[in-house]
Amino acid sequence: MVVEKKIVERSGILSETYPSVFVVELDQDENNFERVSYSYADVLTDAVEIVFDVEKAIEA
């Protein structure tokens, strides 16, 4: 059985952190949702990949 991973790219700013989840405020120009939350387990199991845009971070 072959399982294909669905890839969805989203751009936003980390806005809140909690003991088991974090919340990202999404860029309204690119997304239909205002915010999305992920668990730290999602990151550790590679269900979610985080990429930092260093250039945007320097501008802010």
PDB file of N, CA and C in Angstrom:
ATOM      1  N   MET A   1       0.844  -1.178   0.000  1.00  0.00           N
ATOM      2  CA  MET A   1       0.000   0.000   0.000  1.00  0.00           C
ATOM      3  C   MET A   1       0.889   1.241   0.000  1.00  0.00           C
ATOM      4  N   VAL A   2       0.693   2.101  -0.965  1.00  0.00           N
ATOM      5  CA  VAL A   2       1.457   3.336  -1.071  1.00  0.00           C
ATOM      6  C   VAL A   2       0.578   4.491  -0.608  1.00  0.00           C
ATOM      7  N   VAL A   3       1.099   5.264   0.321  1.00  0.00           N
ATOM      8  CA  VAL A   3       0.364   6.416   0.833  1.00  0.00           C
ATOM      9  C   VAL A   3       1.078   7.676   0.375  1.00  0.00           C
ATOM     10  N   GLU A   4       0.356   8.525  -0.333  1.00  0.00           N
ATOM     11  CA  GLU A   4       0.943   9.784  -0.783  1.00  0.00           C
ATOM     12  C   GLU A   4       0.665  10.864   0.248  1.00  0.00           C
ATOM     13  N   LYS A   5       1.698  11.644   0.534  1.00  0.00           N
ATOM     14  CA  LYS A   5       1.526  12.758   1.464  1.00  0.00           C
ATOM     15  C   LYS A   5       0.970  13.955   0.708  1.00  0.00           C
ATOM     16  N   LYS A   6       0.015  14.606   1.304  1.00  0.00           N
ATOM     17  CA  LYS A   6      -0.533  15.827   0.730  1.00  0.00           C
ATOM     18  C   LYS A   6       0.344  16.987   1.176  1.00  0.00           C
ATOM     19  N   ILE A   7       0.818  17.763   0.231  1.00  0.00           N
ATOM     20  CA  ILE A   7       1.687  18.898   0.544  1.00  0.00           C
ATOM     21  C   ILE A   7       0.897  20.192   0.373  1.00  0.00           C
ATOM     22  N   VAL A   8       0.843  20.965   1.445  1.00  0.00           N
ATOM     23  CA  VAL A   8       0.179  22.268   1.434  1.00  0.00           C
ATOM     24  C   VAL A   8       1.172  23.275   1.987  1.00  0.00           C
ATOM     25  N   GLU A   9       1.461  24.307   1.204  1.00  0.00           N
ATOM     26  CA  GLU A   9       2.376  25.350   1.676  1.00  0.00           C
ATOM     27  C   GLU A   9       1.565  26.525   2.187  1.00  0.00           C
ATOM     28  N   ARG A  10       1.945  26.988   3.370  1.00  0.00           N
ATOM     29  CA  ARG A  10       1.288  28.148   3.962  1.00  0.00           C
ATOM     30  C   ARG A  10       2.352  29.095   4.477  1.00  0.00           C
ATOM     31  N   SER A  11       2.032  30.361   4.450  1.00  0.00           N
ATOM     32  CA  SER A  11       2.964  31.379   4.924  1.00  0.00           C
ATOM     33  C   SER A  11       2.284  32.183   6.023  1.00  0.00           C
ATOM     34  N   GLY A  12       3.013  32.418   7.117  1.00  0.00           N
ATOM     35  CA  GLY A  12       2.427  33.170   8.209  1.00  0.00           C
ATOM     36  C   GLY A  12       3.438  33.479   9.286  1.00  0.00           C
ATOM     37  N   ILE A  13       2.936  33.963  10.408  1.00  0.00           N
ATOM     38  CA  ILE A  13       3.778  34.375  11.533  1.00  0.00           C
ATOM     39  C   ILE A  13       3.349  33.600  12.769  1.00  0.00           C
ATOM     40  N   LEU A  14       4.330  33.058  13.480  1.00  0.00           N
ATOM     41  CA  LEU A  14       4.053  32.369  14.736  1.00  0.00           C
ATOM     42  C   LEU A  14       3.471  33.381  15.710  1.00  0.00           C
ATOM     43  N   SER A  15       2.249  33.133  16.191  1.00  0.00           N
ATOM     44  CA  SER A  15       1.594  34.136  17.030  1.00  0.00           C
ATOM     45  C   SER A  15       1.408  33.707  18.477  1.00  0.00           C
ATOM     46  N   GLU A  16       1.211  32.412  18.718  1.00  0.00           N
ATOM     47  CA  GLU A  16       0.975  31.947  20.083  1.00  0.00           C
ATOM     48  C   GLU A  16       1.616  30.581  20.277  1.00  0.00           C
ATOM     49  N   THR A  17       2.090  30.326  21.488  1.00  0.00           N
ATOM     50  CA  THR A  17       2.618  29.006  21.828  1.00  0.00           C
ATOM     51  C   THR A  17       1.975  28.528  23.120  1.00  0.00           C
ATOM     52  N   TYR A  18       1.694  27.255  23.156  1.00  0.00           N
ATOM     53  CA  TYR A  18       1.097  26.600  24.315  1.00  0.00           C
ATOM     54  C   TYR A  18       1.890  25.324  24.596  1.00  0.00           C
ATOM     55  N   PRO A  19       1.639  24.665  25.713  1.00  0.00           N
ATOM     56  CA  PRO A  19       2.422  23.468  26.053  1.00  0.00           C
ATOM     57  C   PRO A  19       2.405  22.363  24.991  1.00  0.00           C
ATOM     58  N   SER A  20       1.316  22.207  24.249  1.00  0.00           N
ATOM     59  CA  SER A  20       1.277  21.112  23.278  1.00  0.00           C
ATOM     60  C   SER A  20       1.002  21.545  21.844  1.00  0.00           C
ATOM     61  N   VAL A  21       0.688  22.819  21.615  1.00  0.00           N
ATOM     62  CA  VAL A  21       0.418  23.309  20.261  1.00  0.00           C
ATOM     63  C   VAL A  21       0.985  24.712  20.076  1.00  0.00           C
ATOM     64  N   PHE A  22       1.086  25.118  18.804  1.00  0.00           N
ATOM     65  CA  PHE A  22       1.432  26.498  18.487  1.00  0.00           C
ATOM     66  C   PHE A  22       0.498  26.980  17.386  1.00  0.00           C
ATOM     67  N   VAL A  23       0.282  28.292  17.339  1.00  0.00           N
ATOM     68  CA  VAL A  23      -0.667  28.902  16.413  1.00  0.00           C
ATOM     69  C   VAL A  23       0.093  29.807  15.451  1.00  0.00           C
ATOM     70  N   VAL A  24      -0.262  29.709  14.171  1.00  0.00           N
ATOM     71  CA  VAL A  24       0.349  30.534  13.130  1.00  0.00           C
ATOM     72  C   VAL A  24      -0.738  31.402  12.514  1.00  0.00           C
ATOM     73  N   GLU A  25      -0.518  32.717  12.525  1.00  0.00           N
ATOM     74  CA  GLU A  25      -1.407  33.658  11.831  1.00  0.00           C
ATOM     75  C   GLU A  25      -1.001  33.635  10.361  1.00  0.00           C
ATOM     76  N   LEU A  26      -1.929  33.256   9.488  1.00  0.00           N
ATOM     77  CA  LEU A  26      -1.611  33.090   8.079  1.00  0.00           C
ATOM     78  C   LEU A  26      -1.714  34.403   7.316  1.00  0.00           C
ATOM     79  N   ASP A  27      -0.906  34.523   6.259  1.00  0.00           N
ATOM     80  CA  ASP A  27      -0.987  35.673   5.366  1.00  0.00           C
ATOM     81  C   ASP A  27      -2.334  35.630   4.649  1.00  0.00           C
ATOM     82  N   GLN A  28      -3.126  36.671   4.773  1.00  0.00           N
ATOM     83  CA  GLN A  28      -4.470  36.693   4.206  1.00  0.00           C
ATOM     84  C   GLN A  28      -4.463  36.694   2.682  1.00  0.00           C
ATOM     85  N   ASP A  29      -3.409  37.200   2.061  1.00  0.00           N
ATOM     86  CA  ASP A  29      -3.343  37.239   0.603  1.00  0.00           C
ATOM     87  C   ASP A  29      -3.224  35.841   0.012  1.00  0.00           C
ATOM     88  N   GLU A  30      -2.644  34.911   0.758  1.00  0.00           N
ATOM     89  CA  GLU A  30      -2.342  33.589   0.226  1.00  0.00           C
ATOM     90  C   GLU A  30      -3.258  32.490   0.749  1.00  0.00           C
ATOM     91  N   ASN A  31      -4.032  32.722   1.793  1.00  0.00           N
ATOM     92  CA  ASN A  31      -4.773  31.653   2.453  1.00  0.00           C
ATOM     93  C   ASN A  31      -6.229  32.023   2.687  1.00  0.00           C
ATOM     94  N   ASN A  32      -7.068  30.994   2.771  1.00  0.00           N
ATOM     95  CA  ASN A  32      -8.486  31.193   3.058  1.00  0.00           C
ATOM     96  C   ASN A  32      -8.762  31.271   4.554  1.00  0.00           C
ATOM     97  N   PHE A  33      -7.855  30.761   5.364  1.00  0.00           N
ATOM     98  CA  PHE A  33      -8.034  30.732   6.814  1.00  0.00           C
ATOM     99  C   PHE A  33      -7.260  31.867   7.457  1.00  0.00           C
ATOM    100  N   GLU A  34      -7.693  32.288   8.637  1.00  0.00           N
ATOM    101  CA  GLU A  34      -6.983  33.334   9.367  1.00  0.00           C
ATOM    102  C   GLU A  34      -5.815  32.774  10.158  1.00  0.00           C
ATOM    103  N   ARG A  35      -6.026  31.609  10.800  1.00  0.00           N
ATOM    104  CA  ARG A  35      -4.965  31.004  11.583  1.00  0.00           C
ATOM    105  C   ARG A  35      -5.081  29.487  11.533  1.00  0.00           C
ATOM    106  N   VAL A  36      -3.986  28.851  11.881  1.00  0.00           N
ATOM    107  CA  VAL A  36      -3.941  27.400  11.917  1.00  0.00           C
ATOM    108  C   VAL A  36      -3.079  26.990  13.100  1.00  0.00           C
ATOM    109  N   SER A  37      -3.398  25.856  13.704  1.00  0.00           N
ATOM    110  CA  SER A  37      -2.601  25.389  14.837  1.00  0.00           C
ATOM    111  C   SER A  37      -2.020  24.017  14.515  1.00  0.00           C
ATOM    112  N   TYR A  38      -0.854  23.757  15.071  1.00  0.00           N
ATOM    113  CA  TYR A  38      -0.168  22.485  14.895  1.00  0.00           C
ATOM    114  C   TYR A  38       0.336  22.022  16.248  1.00  0.00           C
ATOM    115  N   SER A  39       0.464  20.724  16.408  1.00  0.00           N
ATOM    116  CA  SER A  39       1.058  20.195  17.635  1.00  0.00           C
ATOM    117  C   SER A  39       2.558  20.038  17.416  1.00  0.00           C
ATOM    118  N   TYR A  40       3.301  20.042  18.502  1.00  0.00           N
ATOM    119  CA  TYR A  40       4.737  19.822  18.400  1.00  0.00           C
ATOM    120  C   TYR A  40       5.013  18.411  17.906  1.00  0.00           C
ATOM    121  N   ALA A  41       4.113  17.476  18.196  1.00  0.00           N
ATOM    122  CA  ALA A  41       4.254  16.106  17.692  1.00  0.00           C
ATOM    123  C   ALA A  41       4.204  16.087  16.165  1.00  0.00           C
ATOM    124  N   ASP A  42       3.412  16.981  15.553  1.00  0.00           N
ATOM    125  CA  ASP A  42       3.370  17.083  14.089  1.00  0.00           C
ATOM    126  C   ASP A  42       4.753  17.392  13.528  1.00  0.00           C
ATOM    127  N   VAL A  43       5.468  18.270  14.182  1.00  0.00           N
ATOM    128  CA  VAL A  43       6.813  18.649  13.735  1.00  0.00           C
ATOM    129  C   VAL A  43       7.788  17.498  13.963  1.00  0.00           C
ATOM    130  N   LEU A  44       7.717  16.875  15.124  1.00  0.00           N
ATOM    131  CA  LEU A  44       8.648  15.791  15.460  1.00  0.00           C
ATOM    132  C   LEU A  44       8.460  14.557  14.588  1.00  0.00           C
ATOM    133  N   THR A  45       7.252  14.309  14.108  1.00  0.00           N
ATOM    134  CA  THR A  45       6.988  13.140  13.263  1.00  0.00           C
ATOM    135  C   THR A  45       7.025  13.480  11.776  1.00  0.00           C
ATOM    136  N   ASP A  46       7.464  14.677  11.443  1.00  0.00           N
ATOM    137  CA  ASP A  46       7.569  15.150  10.057  1.00  0.00           C
ATOM    138  C   ASP A  46       6.220  15.264   9.348  1.00  0.00           C
ATOM    139  N   ALA A  47       5.134  15.346  10.096  1.00  0.00           N
ATOM    140  CA  ALA A  47       3.833  15.604   9.489  1.00  0.00           C
ATOM    141  C   ALA A  47       3.744  17.065   9.057  1.00  0.00           C
ATOM    142  N   VAL A  48       4.522  17.922   9.727  1.00  0.00           N
ATOM    143  CA  VAL A  48       4.599  19.347   9.412  1.00  0.00           C
ATOM    144  C   VAL A  48       6.069  19.718   9.320  1.00  0.00           C
ATOM    145  N   GLU A  49       6.414  20.444   8.267  1.00  0.00           N
ATOM    146  CA  GLU A  49       7.786  20.934   8.114  1.00  0.00           C
ATOM    147  C   GLU A  49       7.756  22.450   8.222  1.00  0.00           C
ATOM    148  N   ILE A  50       8.652  22.986   9.024  1.00  0.00           N
ATOM    149  CA  ILE A  50       8.722  24.432   9.218  1.00  0.00           C
ATOM    150  C   ILE A  50       9.966  24.960   8.519  1.00  0.00           C
ATOM    151  N   VAL A  51       9.774  25.989   7.720  1.00  0.00           N
ATOM    152  CA  VAL A  51      10.881  26.649   7.039  1.00  0.00           C
ATOM    153  C   VAL A  51      10.810  28.124   7.408  1.00  0.00           C
ATOM    154  N   PHE A  52      11.923  28.661   7.850  1.00  0.00           N
ATOM    155  CA  PHE A  52      11.973  30.061   8.260  1.00  0.00           C
ATOM    156  C   PHE A  52      12.472  30.920   7.111  1.00  0.00           C
ATOM    157  N   ASP A  53      11.827  32.058   6.892  1.00  0.00           N
ATOM    158  CA  ASP A  53      12.254  33.018   5.883  1.00  0.00           C
ATOM    159  C   ASP A  53      13.108  34.062   6.588  1.00  0.00           C
ATOM    160  N   VAL A  54      14.398  33.885   6.519  1.00  0.00           N
ATOM    161  CA  VAL A  54      15.332  34.751   7.238  1.00  0.00           C
ATOM    162  C   VAL A  54      15.228  36.190   6.753  1.00  0.00           C
ATOM    163  N   GLU A  55      15.040  36.396   5.463  1.00  0.00           N
ATOM    164  CA  GLU A  55      14.954  37.758   4.927  1.00  0.00           C
ATOM    165  C   GLU A  55      13.756  38.504   5.513  1.00  0.00           C
ATOM    166  N   LYS A  56      12.603  37.848   5.626  1.00  0.00           N
ATOM    167  CA  LYS A  56      11.433  38.497   6.219  1.00  0.00           C
ATOM    168  C   LYS A  56      11.655  38.766   7.696  1.00  0.00           C
ATOM    169  N   ALA A  57      12.332  37.867   8.387  1.00  0.00           N
ATOM    170  CA  ALA A  57      12.598  38.044   9.814  1.00  0.00           C
ATOM    171  C   ALA A  57      13.510  39.244  10.047  1.00  0.00           C
ATOM    172  N   ILE A  58      14.475  39.448   9.170  1.00  0.00           N
ATOM    173  CA  ILE A  58      15.396  40.577   9.309  1.00  0.00           C
ATOM    174  C   ILE A  58      14.662  41.894   9.062  1.00  0.00           C
ATOM    175  N   GLU A  59      13.717  41.913   8.111  1.00  0.00           N
ATOM    176  CA  GLU A  59      12.962  43.125   7.797  1.00  0.00           C
ATOM    177  C   GLU A  59      12.063  43.544   8.954  1.00  0.00           C
ATOM    178  N   ALA A  60      11.570  42.585   9.716  1.00  0.00           N
ATOM    179  CA  ALA A  60      10.606  42.875  10.791  1.00  0.00           C
ATOM    180  C   ALA A  60      11.221  43.491  11.980  1.00  0.00           C
TER     181      ALA A  60
END
